[in-house]
Amino acid sequence: MSSKTNRRRVFVSAPDVVEIVNEALPALAPGEALVRMSACGICGSDKAGAHGEHVFFKPPYYPGHEVVGVVLELLHDATGLRVGDRVTIEPTLICGHCKPCRNGAENLCENLEFFGCGFREGGMADVFAVRADRLHRVPDGFTDRQAALIEPLATPVHAVRLVGDLRGKAVAVLGAGTIGLLTLVAARYAGARKVVSTDPLANKRQMALELGADAAVDATVEDLAGTVRGELGESADVVFDCVSHQSTLESAVKMAIKGGVVGVVGGPRRPVTLDLPVLQEYQIRLQGCATYRARDFDQAVAIISSGAFDADRLVTSTFPLTKAADAFAAISSGREAKILVLAEN
């Protein structure tokens, strides 16, 4: 394969069918950059998409949105970057002119396309094309592992900002996958007084404790809400549901009674129902938390730069690009925290 004329990229051709395809390099559209991948994370959205279970996109598609790479080429109208810059992607491809974009809520763009999630390009490839205005320079000194966590950390940073000031608050985080663990990190960084995490897997609960949880509760206990409230010593001021199933959202509301906030951070795979009289009578605030904005990327960089957590500890497995199918199988086990697909020479 000539790196000058062709590329390998991962293609989810059908549910649970992950392939490597060889294609010509993409022609750059106005404002785009050509980027060589260094590392690309796999997240819950990727897992759901590969299984054909994601609400907003289905196979066939090209995965990869938690990407770190190096700029190879820029068209003349792609400003603010230079060839050779190390970058990561803000994968929300916004229109810039709809009502949410005009009002500073561009992550809710009415014409949103999402790089690596149903878009014509994904970052799990030797090289890929992307709008240059969606690229963020990676700070000098960041490893690829640290840089690959900027995008996933930006999601909890955004969620923390949406729920309000966490200083001195009692917080519960349901789920200790990548997003749950990074939500724990973001909540601690934001000044939460006490944080309790939950997960059914012992190794995930141990990681939560290592990342600063005051307690980590087995999510399979009979009275999860009561157990978490017991560990907090009171009701939760804020609950972040990073699983977003029927059972977790019901438990989250019980933890937040009365007057608490429930932030829905994990990507729901199907509709759920809630006891609306309880929500109203006990004045529970239910807050949807969708992706991020540019300032959340900046805050994620600041948290990583602060040394608040060890990126190497959070990345539990790596796979070469040509073994992407194995990487998707591993993330489906539920036992991994963060998996990276790495470039090959």
Protein backbone atom coordinates (compact mmCIF):
# COMPACT_ATOMS: atom_id res chain seq x y z
CA MET A 1 0.00 0.00 0.00
CA SER A 2 1.38 3.40 -0.96
CA SER A 3 0.79 5.94 1.79
CA LYS A 4 0.76 8.65 -0.89
CA THR A 5 -2.20 7.32 -2.86
CA ASN A 6 -4.10 4.86 -0.66
CA ARG A 7 -5.21 4.36 2.90
CA ARG A 8 -6.58 1.66 5.15
CA ARG A 9 -9.62 2.48 7.20
CA VAL A 10 -12.02 0.66 9.46
CA PHE A 11 -15.49 0.04 8.07
CA VAL A 12 -18.47 -1.32 10.00
CA SER A 13 -20.27 -2.84 7.02
CA ALA A 14 -23.12 -4.47 8.98
CA PRO A 15 -23.99 -5.08 12.64
CA ASP A 16 -20.99 -6.75 14.31
CA VAL A 17 -19.00 -6.85 11.06
CA VAL A 18 -15.81 -4.78 11.42
CA GLU A 19 -13.54 -4.76 8.38
CA ILE A 20 -10.40 -3.10 7.06
CA VAL A 21 -10.87 -1.60 3.61
CA ASN A 22 -8.29 -0.13 1.23
CA GLU A 23 -9.33 3.06 -0.51
CA ALA A 24 -7.89 6.02 -2.33
CA LEU A 25 -6.97 9.02 -0.24
CA PRO A 26 -9.86 11.47 0.12
CA ALA A 27 -9.88 14.65 -1.93
CA LEU A 28 -9.95 17.61 0.42
CA ALA A 29 -13.00 19.85 0.33
CA PRO A 30 -12.63 23.59 1.00
CA GLY A 31 -11.56 24.23 4.58
CA GLU A 32 -10.50 20.64 5.25
CA ALA A 33 -7.25 19.15 6.52
CA LEU A 34 -5.69 15.77 5.84
CA VAL A 35 -4.63 14.15 9.13
CA ARG A 36 -2.54 11.05 9.83
CA MET A 37 -3.97 9.10 12.76
CA SER A 38 -1.76 8.33 15.74
CA ALA A 39 -4.38 6.91 18.11
CA CYS A 40 -8.14 6.55 18.18
CA GLY A 41 -10.30 5.60 21.14
CA ILE A 42 -13.37 3.37 21.11
CA CYS A 43 -16.33 4.44 23.24
CA GLY A 44 -19.84 3.32 24.13
CA SER A 45 -21.26 5.05 21.06
CA ASP A 46 -18.87 3.08 18.86
CA LYS A 47 -19.90 -0.14 20.58
CA ALA A 48 -23.60 0.62 20.14
CA GLY A 49 -23.07 1.66 16.53
CA ALA A 50 -21.17 -1.52 15.68
CA HIS A 51 -23.96 -3.61 17.22
CA GLY A 52 -26.57 -1.69 15.24
CA GLU A 53 -28.10 -0.39 18.49
CA HIS A 54 -27.32 3.32 18.36
CA VAL A 55 -30.39 5.54 18.19
CA PHE A 56 -28.98 8.05 15.69
CA PHE A 57 -26.80 6.07 13.30
CA LYS A 58 -26.52 2.50 12.01
CA PRO A 59 -24.10 0.46 9.91
CA PRO A 60 -22.67 0.82 7.39
CA TYR A 61 -20.43 3.60 8.69
CA TYR A 62 -16.79 4.59 9.27
CA PRO A 63 -15.98 4.77 13.01
CA GLY A 64 -13.54 6.87 14.99
CA HIS A 65 -14.14 10.23 16.67
CA GLU A 66 -11.77 10.16 19.70
CA VAL A 67 -8.81 10.81 17.45
CA VAL A 68 -5.27 12.10 17.80
CA GLY A 69 -3.16 12.72 14.73
CA VAL A 70 -0.75 14.94 12.79
CA VAL A 71 -1.76 17.40 10.07
CA LEU A 72 -0.36 16.29 6.70
CA GLU A 73 -1.99 18.76 4.35
CA LEU A 74 -4.12 21.90 4.45
CA LEU A 75 -6.01 23.67 1.72
CA HIS A 76 -5.19 27.35 1.40
CA ASP A 77 -8.42 28.43 3.13
CA ALA A 78 -7.88 26.22 6.21
CA THR A 79 -6.42 28.76 8.62
CA GLY A 80 -5.08 28.56 12.16
CA LEU A 81 -3.11 25.34 11.72
CA ARG A 82 0.18 24.27 10.20
CA VAL A 83 1.35 21.06 8.61
CA GLY A 84 2.97 18.98 11.34
CA ASP A 85 0.66 20.13 14.16
CA ARG A 86 -0.54 17.41 16.53
CA VAL A 87 -4.29 17.67 16.81
CA THR A 88 -7.42 16.13 18.22
CA ILE A 89 -10.92 16.48 16.78
CA GLU A 90 -14.01 18.17 18.11
CA PRO A 91 -16.22 15.84 16.05
CA THR A 92 -19.45 17.87 16.15
CA LEU A 93 -19.66 19.23 12.60
CA ILE A 94 -21.88 22.24 13.19
CA CYS A 95 -23.52 24.51 10.62
CA GLY A 96 -22.78 27.76 12.49
CA HIS A 97 -25.95 29.58 11.46
CA CYS A 98 -28.99 27.82 13.01
CA LYS A 99 -30.65 29.10 16.20
CA PRO A 100 -28.60 26.95 18.67
CA CYS A 101 -25.35 27.85 16.89
CA ARG A 102 -26.21 31.54 16.99
CA ASN A 103 -27.08 31.33 20.67
CA GLY A 104 -23.91 29.64 21.90
CA ALA A 105 -25.31 26.10 22.01
CA GLU A 106 -23.62 24.82 18.89
CA ASN A 107 -23.45 21.26 20.24
CA LEU A 108 -27.24 21.26 19.69
CA CYS A 109 -26.90 22.39 16.06
CA GLU A 110 -30.08 21.76 14.08
CA ASN A 111 -28.02 20.58 11.11
CA LEU A 112 -25.43 18.61 13.06
CA GLU A 113 -23.27 15.96 11.44
CA PHE A 114 -20.94 13.90 13.61
CA PHE A 115 -17.48 12.86 12.45
CA GLY A 116 -16.98 9.12 12.93
CA CYS A 117 -20.65 8.47 13.75
CA GLY A 118 -22.44 8.13 10.43
CA PHE A 119 -20.43 10.81 8.60
CA ARG A 120 -18.60 10.04 5.34
CA GLU A 121 -15.28 10.11 7.23
CA GLY A 122 -14.09 8.47 10.44
CA GLY A 123 -10.79 8.79 12.24
CA MET A 124 -10.02 5.08 12.55
CA ALA A 125 -7.87 5.15 9.42
CA ASP A 126 -4.29 5.67 8.28
CA VAL A 127 -5.30 9.16 7.21
CA PHE A 128 -8.60 11.03 7.04
CA ALA A 129 -10.09 14.34 5.97
CA VAL A 130 -11.82 16.66 8.43
CA ARG A 131 -12.82 20.30 8.68
CA ALA A 132 -9.81 22.21 9.96
CA ASP A 133 -12.00 24.43 12.13
CA ARG A 134 -12.91 21.36 14.24
CA LEU A 135 -9.30 20.57 15.12
CA HIS A 136 -7.63 21.45 18.42
CA ARG A 137 -3.88 21.54 18.83
CA VAL A 138 -2.56 19.01 21.35
CA PRO A 139 -0.36 20.65 24.00
CA ASP A 140 3.37 19.99 23.84
CA GLY A 141 4.31 17.21 26.20
CA PHE A 142 1.00 15.36 25.99
CA THR A 143 1.33 11.67 25.18
CA ASP A 144 -1.02 10.11 22.64
CA ARG A 145 -2.83 8.44 25.53
CA GLN A 146 -3.42 11.74 27.25
CA ALA A 147 -4.46 13.41 24.00
CA ALA A 148 -6.90 10.60 23.18
CA LEU A 149 -8.75 11.34 26.43
CA ILE A 150 -9.39 15.03 25.68
CA GLU A 151 -12.58 14.37 23.69
CA PRO A 152 -14.11 11.80 26.08
CA LEU A 153 -13.27 13.98 29.09
CA ALA A 154 -14.93 16.99 27.44
CA THR A 155 -18.30 15.21 27.70
CA PRO A 156 -18.26 14.98 31.53
CA VAL A 157 -16.80 18.49 31.74
CA HIS A 158 -19.83 19.73 29.79
CA ALA A 159 -22.18 17.71 32.01
CA VAL A 160 -20.63 19.16 35.17
CA ARG A 161 -21.04 22.66 33.79
CA LEU A 162 -24.71 22.02 32.96
CA VAL A 163 -25.71 20.75 36.42
CA GLY A 164 -24.22 23.75 38.21
CA ASP A 165 -21.68 24.49 40.93
CA LEU A 166 -20.45 21.25 42.54
CA ARG A 167 -18.32 22.84 45.25
CA GLY A 168 -19.15 21.21 48.57
CA LYS A 169 -21.79 18.95 47.00
CA ALA A 170 -22.55 15.25 47.51
CA VAL A 171 -22.36 13.48 44.14
CA ALA A 172 -23.18 10.00 42.84
CA VAL A 173 -21.82 8.66 39.54
CA LEU A 174 -23.65 5.63 38.16
CA GLY A 175 -21.38 3.51 35.98
CA ALA A 176 -17.61 3.23 35.99
CA GLY A 177 -16.90 2.83 32.32
CA THR A 178 -14.79 5.46 30.59
CA ILE A 179 -17.41 8.20 30.82
CA GLY A 180 -18.33 7.32 34.39
CA LEU A 181 -14.70 7.35 35.51
CA LEU A 182 -14.02 10.63 33.71
CA THR A 183 -17.20 12.11 35.21
CA LEU A 184 -15.79 11.21 38.61
CA VAL A 185 -12.56 13.02 37.68
CA ALA A 186 -14.44 16.08 36.41
CA ALA A 187 -16.68 16.22 39.50
CA ARG A 188 -13.70 16.02 41.84
CA TYR A 189 -11.90 18.71 39.86
CA ALA A 190 -15.01 20.90 40.13
CA GLY A 191 -14.91 20.69 43.93
CA ALA A 192 -17.41 17.97 44.84
CA ARG A 193 -17.13 17.26 48.57
CA LYS A 194 -18.00 13.57 48.39
CA VAL A 195 -18.35 11.25 45.40
CA VAL A 196 -19.75 7.70 45.35
CA SER A 197 -19.43 5.59 42.20
CA THR A 198 -21.32 2.44 41.24
CA ASP A 199 -20.61 -0.45 38.88
CA PRO A 200 -21.35 -4.18 38.79
CA LEU A 201 -17.70 -5.09 38.07
CA ALA A 202 -15.15 -5.19 40.88
CA ASN A 203 -12.25 -4.02 38.70
CA LYS A 204 -14.21 -0.96 37.59
CA ARG A 205 -15.09 -0.13 41.20
CA GLN A 206 -11.42 -0.42 42.11
CA MET A 207 -10.50 2.02 39.32
CA ALA A 208 -13.10 4.45 40.64
CA LEU A 209 -11.51 4.30 44.09
CA GLU A 210 -8.07 4.87 42.60
CA LEU A 211 -9.40 7.90 40.72
CA GLY A 212 -10.76 9.51 43.87
CA ALA A 213 -14.18 8.06 44.70
CA ASP A 214 -14.93 8.02 48.43
CA ALA A 215 -16.77 4.74 47.96
CA ALA A 216 -17.59 2.39 45.11
CA VAL A 217 -20.84 0.43 45.40
CA ASP A 218 -21.74 -2.82 43.67
CA ALA A 219 -24.52 -1.79 41.26
CA THR A 220 -26.24 -5.16 41.69
CA VAL A 221 -27.13 -4.61 45.37
CA GLU A 222 -30.85 -4.88 46.08
CA ASP A 223 -31.32 -1.26 47.20
CA LEU A 224 -28.80 0.68 45.15
CA ALA A 225 -30.27 4.09 45.94
CA GLY A 226 -30.38 3.42 49.67
CA THR A 227 -26.84 2.05 49.68
CA VAL A 228 -25.45 5.06 47.83
CA ARG A 229 -27.31 7.48 50.10
CA GLY A 230 -25.84 5.59 53.06
CA GLU A 231 -22.31 6.01 51.70
CA LEU A 232 -22.93 9.71 51.03
CA GLY A 233 -24.49 10.16 54.46
CA GLU A 234 -27.36 12.07 52.88
CA SER A 235 -29.23 12.41 49.60
CA ALA A 236 -27.22 13.23 46.49
CA ASP A 237 -27.15 16.86 45.44
CA VAL A 238 -26.27 15.65 41.94
CA VAL A 239 -26.44 12.21 40.32
CA PHE A 240 -24.70 11.59 37.00
CA ASP A 241 -26.27 8.63 35.22
CA CYS A 242 -23.55 7.35 32.92
CA VAL A 243 -25.48 4.16 32.08
CA SER A 244 -28.93 5.57 31.27
CA HIS A 245 -31.05 2.44 31.52
CA GLN A 246 -34.50 2.22 33.06
CA SER A 247 -33.15 0.85 36.33
CA THR A 248 -30.31 3.35 36.71
CA LEU A 249 -32.49 6.37 36.03
CA GLU A 250 -35.06 5.16 38.56
CA SER A 251 -32.27 4.72 41.13
CA ALA A 252 -30.82 8.13 40.27
CA VAL A 253 -34.12 9.86 41.03
CA LYS A 254 -34.36 8.04 44.38
CA MET A 255 -30.82 9.12 45.27
CA ALA A 256 -31.63 12.75 44.42
CA ILE A 257 -34.84 12.99 46.46
CA LYS A 258 -35.53 15.71 47.47
CA GLY A 259 -34.51 18.67 45.35
CA GLY A 260 -31.50 17.09 43.64
CA VAL A 261 -30.31 17.11 40.03
CA VAL A 262 -30.02 14.06 37.77
CA GLY A 263 -27.68 14.53 34.80
CA VAL A 264 -28.17 12.02 31.99
CA VAL A 265 -24.65 11.55 30.60
CA GLY A 266 -24.60 8.02 29.19
CA GLY A 267 -26.17 7.50 25.78
CA PRO A 268 -29.59 5.85 26.21
CA ARG A 269 -30.28 3.01 23.78
CA ARG A 270 -34.06 3.00 24.22
CA PRO A 271 -36.80 5.11 25.81
CA VAL A 272 -37.36 4.96 29.56
CA THR A 273 -40.28 5.98 31.76
CA LEU A 274 -40.18 7.95 34.99
CA ASP A 275 -42.63 8.62 37.80
CA LEU A 276 -43.56 12.16 36.81
CA PRO A 277 -45.51 12.94 40.02
CA VAL A 278 -42.35 12.13 42.02
CA LEU A 279 -40.24 14.33 39.73
CA GLN A 280 -42.68 17.20 40.17
CA GLU A 281 -43.55 16.80 43.86
CA TYR A 282 -39.96 16.42 45.00
CA GLN A 283 -38.66 19.06 42.60
CA ILE A 284 -36.10 16.82 40.89
CA ARG A 285 -34.30 18.47 38.00
CA LEU A 286 -33.64 16.10 35.08
CA GLN A 287 -30.82 17.46 32.91
CA GLY A 288 -29.88 16.03 29.53
CA CYS A 289 -26.14 16.35 28.85
CA ALA A 290 -25.15 16.27 25.17
CA THR A 291 -21.55 16.23 23.93
CA TYR A 292 -19.55 19.45 24.48
CA ARG A 293 -18.44 22.87 23.29
CA ALA A 294 -14.97 24.22 22.51
CA ARG A 295 -14.48 25.56 26.04
CA ASP A 296 -15.13 22.07 27.40
CA PHE A 297 -12.18 20.83 25.32
CA ASP A 298 -10.07 23.61 26.86
CA GLN A 299 -11.16 22.58 30.36
CA ALA A 300 -10.43 18.92 29.59
CA VAL A 301 -6.90 19.89 28.57
CA ALA A 302 -6.51 21.84 31.82
CA ILE A 303 -7.64 18.85 33.91
CA ILE A 304 -5.24 16.48 32.15
CA SER A 305 -2.42 19.01 32.43
CA SER A 306 -3.06 19.31 36.17
CA GLY A 307 -2.18 15.65 36.72
CA ALA A 308 -5.61 15.00 38.27
CA PHE A 309 -5.52 11.44 36.96
CA ASP A 310 -3.20 8.96 35.27
CA ALA A 311 -4.10 8.49 31.60
CA ASP A 312 -1.99 5.34 31.43
CA ARG A 313 -4.12 3.79 34.17
CA LEU A 314 -7.33 4.55 32.33
CA VAL A 315 -6.17 3.08 29.00
CA THR A 316 -6.50 -0.63 29.63
CA SER A 317 -5.77 -2.08 26.15
CA THR A 318 -4.38 -1.07 22.76
CA PHE A 319 -4.73 -2.70 19.34
CA PRO A 320 -3.09 -2.00 15.97
CA LEU A 321 -5.35 -0.63 13.24
CA THR A 322 -5.46 -3.95 11.41
CA LYS A 323 -6.83 -5.62 14.59
CA ALA A 324 -9.72 -3.16 14.97
CA ALA A 325 -12.25 -6.01 14.96
CA ASP A 326 -10.52 -7.42 18.05
CA ALA A 327 -10.67 -3.98 19.68
CA PHE A 328 -14.43 -3.78 19.12
CA ALA A 329 -14.84 -7.29 20.53
CA ALA A 330 -12.84 -6.31 23.61
CA ILE A 331 -14.89 -3.17 24.30
CA SER A 332 -18.06 -5.25 24.04
CA SER A 333 -16.90 -7.39 26.99
CA GLY A 334 -17.59 -4.48 29.35
CA ARG A 335 -14.40 -5.19 31.30
CA GLU A 336 -12.21 -2.55 29.65
CA ALA A 337 -12.03 1.11 30.59
CA LYS A 338 -10.53 2.80 27.52
CA ILE A 339 -9.30 0.96 24.42
CA LEU A 340 -7.14 2.67 21.82
CA VAL A 341 -6.55 1.67 18.21
CA LEU A 342 -3.02 2.69 17.24
CA ALA A 343 -1.43 3.60 13.92
CA GLU A 344 0.84 1.15 12.15
CA ASN A 345 3.79 1.94 9.93
